[in-house]
N, C-alpha and C. Protein backbone atom coordinates (compact mmCIF):
# COMPACT_ATOMS: atom_id res chain seq x y z
N UNK A 1 25.87 114.37 -101.54
CA UNK A 1 25.96 112.81 -101.27
C UNK A 1 27.01 111.79 -101.88
N UNK A 2 27.58 111.47 -101.76
CA UNK A 2 28.31 110.27 -102.40
C UNK A 2 28.77 108.71 -102.01
N UNK A 3 28.16 108.44 -102.93
CA UNK A 3 28.66 107.06 -102.40
C UNK A 3 29.77 105.63 -103.27
N UNK A 4 30.25 105.44 -102.15
CA UNK A 4 32.23 104.51 -102.95
C UNK A 4 32.10 103.37 -102.20
N UNK A 5 32.56 102.46 -103.08
CA UNK A 5 32.51 101.16 -102.72
C UNK A 5 34.07 100.58 -103.47
N UNK A 6 34.77 99.78 -102.04
CA UNK A 6 36.22 99.72 -102.71
C UNK A 6 37.46 101.16 -102.08
N UNK A 7 38.22 100.77 -101.52
CA UNK A 7 39.82 101.68 -101.66
C UNK A 7 40.52 102.12 -102.47
N UNK A 8 39.42 102.55 -103.68
CA UNK A 8 40.59 102.52 -104.54
C UNK A 8 39.72 104.03 -105.10
N UNK A 9 38.39 103.54 -104.57
CA UNK A 9 36.90 104.47 -105.35
C UNK A 9 37.11 105.67 -103.71
N UNK A 10 37.38 105.19 -102.80
CA UNK A 10 37.42 106.31 -101.64
C UNK A 10 39.07 107.25 -101.45
N UNK A 11 40.33 106.45 -101.83
CA UNK A 11 41.31 106.56 -102.32
C UNK A 11 41.31 107.85 -103.59
N UNK A 12 40.85 108.09 -104.45
CA UNK A 12 40.27 108.51 -105.09
C UNK A 12 39.31 109.98 -105.29
N UNK A 13 38.33 110.07 -103.66
CA UNK A 13 37.67 110.29 -103.89
C UNK A 13 38.24 111.52 -103.27
N UNK A 14 38.50 111.20 -102.03
CA UNK A 14 39.69 111.62 -100.73
C UNK A 14 40.75 113.19 -101.83
N UNK A 15 41.46 111.67 -102.63
CA UNK A 15 42.14 112.79 -104.03
C UNK A 15 41.17 114.36 -104.26
N UNK A 16 39.98 113.25 -105.28
CA UNK A 16 39.36 114.74 -105.34
C UNK A 16 39.21 116.54 -104.17
N UNK A 17 38.89 115.89 -103.81
CA UNK A 17 38.31 116.48 -102.32
C UNK A 17 39.92 116.92 -102.51
N UNK A 18 41.14 116.65 -102.05
CA UNK A 18 42.20 117.51 -101.91
C UNK A 18 42.98 118.19 -102.59
N UNK A 19 42.18 118.38 -104.37
CA UNK A 19 42.32 118.57 -104.68
C UNK A 19 41.26 120.06 -105.36
N UNK A 20 40.33 119.96 -105.07
CA UNK A 20 39.50 121.37 -104.74
C UNK A 20 39.42 121.85 -103.71
N UNK A 21 40.05 121.72 -102.72
CA UNK A 21 40.23 122.13 -101.36
C UNK A 21 41.74 122.17 -101.07
N UNK A 22 43.17 123.02 -102.37
CA UNK A 22 44.49 122.87 -101.42
C UNK A 22 44.72 123.43 -99.47
N UNK A 23 45.41 122.84 -99.15
CA UNK A 23 45.49 122.76 -98.25
C UNK A 23 44.52 122.96 -96.99
N UNK A 24 43.20 122.03 -96.88
CA UNK A 24 42.50 121.82 -96.50
C UNK A 24 42.50 120.69 -95.75
N UNK A 25 42.19 120.14 -94.99
CA UNK A 25 42.76 118.55 -93.83
C UNK A 25 40.58 118.12 -93.20
N UNK A 26 40.85 117.01 -93.10
CA UNK A 26 39.82 116.34 -92.84
C UNK A 26 40.00 116.27 -91.28
N UNK A 27 38.65 116.49 -90.26
CA UNK A 27 39.16 116.18 -89.09
C UNK A 27 37.50 115.67 -88.54
N UNK A 28 38.26 114.95 -87.68
CA UNK A 28 36.23 114.36 -87.08
C UNK A 28 35.72 115.70 -86.34
N UNK A 29 34.39 115.13 -86.18
CA UNK A 29 33.59 116.25 -85.08
C UNK A 29 32.99 116.01 -83.78
N UNK A 30 33.55 114.46 -84.12
CA UNK A 30 32.35 114.01 -82.42
C UNK A 30 32.92 112.23 -82.25
N UNK A 31 32.70 111.70 -82.12
CA UNK A 31 33.08 110.50 -81.35
C UNK A 31 32.60 109.78 -82.79
N UNK A 32 32.48 108.70 -82.98
CA UNK A 32 32.17 107.38 -83.96
C UNK A 32 30.77 106.70 -83.18
N UNK A 33 30.10 106.33 -83.65
CA UNK A 33 29.18 105.76 -83.46
C UNK A 33 29.09 104.25 -84.59
N UNK A 34 29.50 102.96 -83.60
CA UNK A 34 29.48 101.95 -84.08
C UNK A 34 28.10 100.62 -83.57
N UNK A 35 28.01 99.51 -84.95
CA UNK A 35 26.64 98.74 -84.54
C UNK A 35 26.61 97.86 -85.97
N UNK A 36 27.47 96.74 -85.48
CA UNK A 36 26.65 95.69 -86.34
C UNK A 36 28.26 95.99 -87.82
N UNK A 37 28.12 95.96 -88.65
CA UNK A 37 28.61 96.48 -89.69
C UNK A 37 29.00 97.70 -90.00
N UNK A 38 28.30 98.76 -89.62
CA UNK A 38 28.29 99.63 -90.38
C UNK A 38 28.45 101.60 -89.00
N UNK A 39 29.58 102.09 -89.37
CA UNK A 39 30.38 103.15 -88.01
C UNK A 39 29.49 104.49 -88.80
N UNK A 40 29.24 105.16 -88.01
CA UNK A 40 28.54 106.09 -88.38
C UNK A 40 29.50 107.23 -87.39
N UNK A 41 30.39 108.15 -88.31
CA UNK A 41 30.92 109.88 -87.95
C UNK A 41 30.81 110.87 -88.07
N UNK A 42 30.81 111.79 -87.78
CA UNK A 42 31.12 113.70 -88.49
C UNK A 42 32.18 114.29 -88.74
N UNK A 43 32.48 115.14 -90.08
CA UNK A 43 33.56 115.35 -89.64
C UNK A 43 33.75 117.11 -90.90
N UNK A 44 34.55 117.52 -90.07
CA UNK A 44 34.89 119.09 -90.94
C UNK A 44 36.37 118.99 -91.49
N UNK A 45 36.27 119.66 -92.74
CA UNK A 45 37.21 119.83 -93.58
C UNK A 45 37.25 121.41 -93.75
N UNK A 46 38.50 121.54 -93.77
CA UNK A 46 38.76 123.16 -93.39
C UNK A 46 40.51 123.85 -93.09
N UNK A 47 40.75 124.09 -93.45
CA UNK A 47 42.37 124.89 -92.71
C UNK A 47 42.33 124.20 -91.03
N UNK A 48 44.00 123.97 -91.36
CA UNK A 48 44.49 123.80 -89.81
C UNK A 48 44.45 124.77 -88.88
N UNK A 49 43.15 125.10 -87.91
CA UNK A 49 43.46 126.34 -87.18
C UNK A 49 42.42 126.87 -87.66
N UNK A 50 41.53 126.94 -88.32
CA UNK A 50 40.70 127.98 -88.60
C UNK A 50 38.87 127.19 -88.86
N UNK A 51 38.32 127.82 -88.60
CA UNK A 51 36.45 127.52 -88.65
C UNK A 51 36.40 126.70 -89.94
N UNK A 52 35.89 125.36 -89.83
CA UNK A 52 36.02 124.47 -91.17
C UNK A 52 34.36 125.44 -91.82
N UNK A 53 34.50 125.47 -92.96
CA UNK A 53 33.62 125.81 -94.13
C UNK A 53 32.86 124.71 -94.95
N UNK A 54 33.18 123.06 -94.51
CA UNK A 54 32.24 121.76 -94.78
C UNK A 54 32.97 121.50 -93.79
N UNK A 55 31.33 120.84 -93.81
CA UNK A 55 30.97 119.80 -92.48
C UNK A 55 30.24 117.84 -92.91
N UNK A 56 30.01 117.25 -92.75
CA UNK A 56 29.12 116.35 -93.05
C UNK A 56 29.49 115.15 -91.90
N UNK A 57 28.93 113.72 -92.31
CA UNK A 57 28.50 112.52 -91.57
C UNK A 57 28.78 111.77 -92.67
N UNK A 58 29.52 110.30 -92.72
CA UNK A 58 29.80 109.51 -93.50
C UNK A 58 29.20 108.36 -92.42
N UNK A 59 28.83 107.49 -93.51
CA UNK A 59 28.23 105.74 -92.45
C UNK A 59 28.77 105.28 -93.54
N UNK A 60 29.41 104.43 -92.66
CA UNK A 60 31.29 103.66 -93.59
C UNK A 60 30.66 101.95 -93.47
N UNK A 61 30.06 100.78 -94.46
CA UNK A 61 30.49 99.21 -94.38
C UNK A 61 32.38 98.97 -93.90
N UNK A 62 31.33 97.86 -92.89
CA UNK A 62 33.11 97.58 -93.23
C UNK A 62 32.77 95.43 -92.94
N UNK A 63 33.46 95.19 -93.15
CA UNK A 63 33.83 93.59 -93.32
C UNK A 63 34.56 92.97 -91.51
N UNK A 64 34.25 91.86 -92.36
CA UNK A 64 34.78 90.83 -90.67
C UNK A 64 35.72 91.58 -90.20
N UNK A 65 36.59 91.66 -91.29
CA UNK A 65 38.17 92.22 -90.57
C UNK A 65 37.97 93.61 -90.10
N UNK A 66 37.14 94.45 -90.28
CA UNK A 66 37.09 95.92 -89.79
C UNK A 66 37.50 96.39 -90.72
N UNK A 67 37.86 96.04 -92.04
CA UNK A 67 38.31 97.60 -93.42
C UNK A 67 37.19 97.75 -93.82
N UNK A 68 37.44 98.95 -94.44
CA UNK A 68 35.92 99.49 -94.68
C UNK A 68 35.48 98.99 -96.41
N UNK A 69 34.39 98.49 -96.67
CA UNK A 69 33.77 98.26 -97.81
C UNK A 69 33.70 99.20 -98.79
N UNK A 70 31.93 99.77 -98.24
CA UNK A 70 31.68 100.97 -98.76
C UNK A 70 31.51 102.03 -97.69
N UNK A 71 31.15 103.57 -98.63
CA UNK A 71 31.35 104.61 -97.67
C UNK A 71 30.25 105.45 -98.46
N UNK A 72 28.93 105.55 -97.43
CA UNK A 72 27.79 106.55 -97.93
C UNK A 72 27.96 108.22 -97.51
N UNK A 73 27.94 108.71 -98.19
CA UNK A 73 28.85 110.73 -97.02
C UNK A 73 28.12 111.57 -97.98
N UNK A 74 27.28 112.05 -96.04
CA UNK A 74 26.64 113.30 -96.94
C UNK A 74 26.75 114.43 -95.91
N UNK A 75 26.44 116.09 -96.74
CA UNK A 75 27.17 117.12 -96.53
C UNK A 75 25.99 118.15 -95.85
N UNK A 76 26.88 118.31 -94.52
CA UNK A 76 25.79 119.53 -93.97
C UNK A 76 25.92 120.50 -93.64
N UNK A 77 26.98 121.62 -93.99
CA UNK A 77 27.23 122.63 -94.66
C UNK A 77 28.28 123.12 -95.85
N UNK A 78 28.30 123.45 -97.20
CA UNK A 78 29.20 123.67 -98.19
C UNK A 78 29.14 125.45 -98.44
N UNK A 79 30.41 125.20 -98.85
CA UNK A 79 30.13 127.22 -98.81
C UNK A 79 29.44 127.57 -100.12
N UNK A 80 28.93 128.70 -100.12
CA UNK A 80 28.23 128.91 -101.42
C UNK A 80 29.16 129.65 -102.50
N UNK A 81 28.60 128.73 -103.58
CA UNK A 81 29.67 129.38 -105.16
C UNK A 81 30.23 130.72 -105.18
N UNK A 82 30.79 130.64 -105.64
CA UNK A 82 31.65 132.16 -105.58
C UNK A 82 31.11 132.43 -106.72
C-alpha cells in the first residue's frame, strides 16, 4: 500500500516504480468510478503486449478543480521475490 500527498510525491512514486520495473508501463484494467471528491480505478503494470505481473487499484482524492490532491494505492498482485 502507498499513501501519496501532492503532485511531487506522486511523480516521485511513479519514477521509483519505473526505475524498479524498467520497460513496464501502467495501463488501466477497467473503468474508473467517481463519487464526490474520490475516484477509484484499477490498473496493471507490465511490458506492452504481455500479461501484467503487477496489478492493483488506487483511490485518488481530487480538489474542486478536479486535480489530484492525494492517492491511496493498493497492490492486488505482485511477483514473488527472486
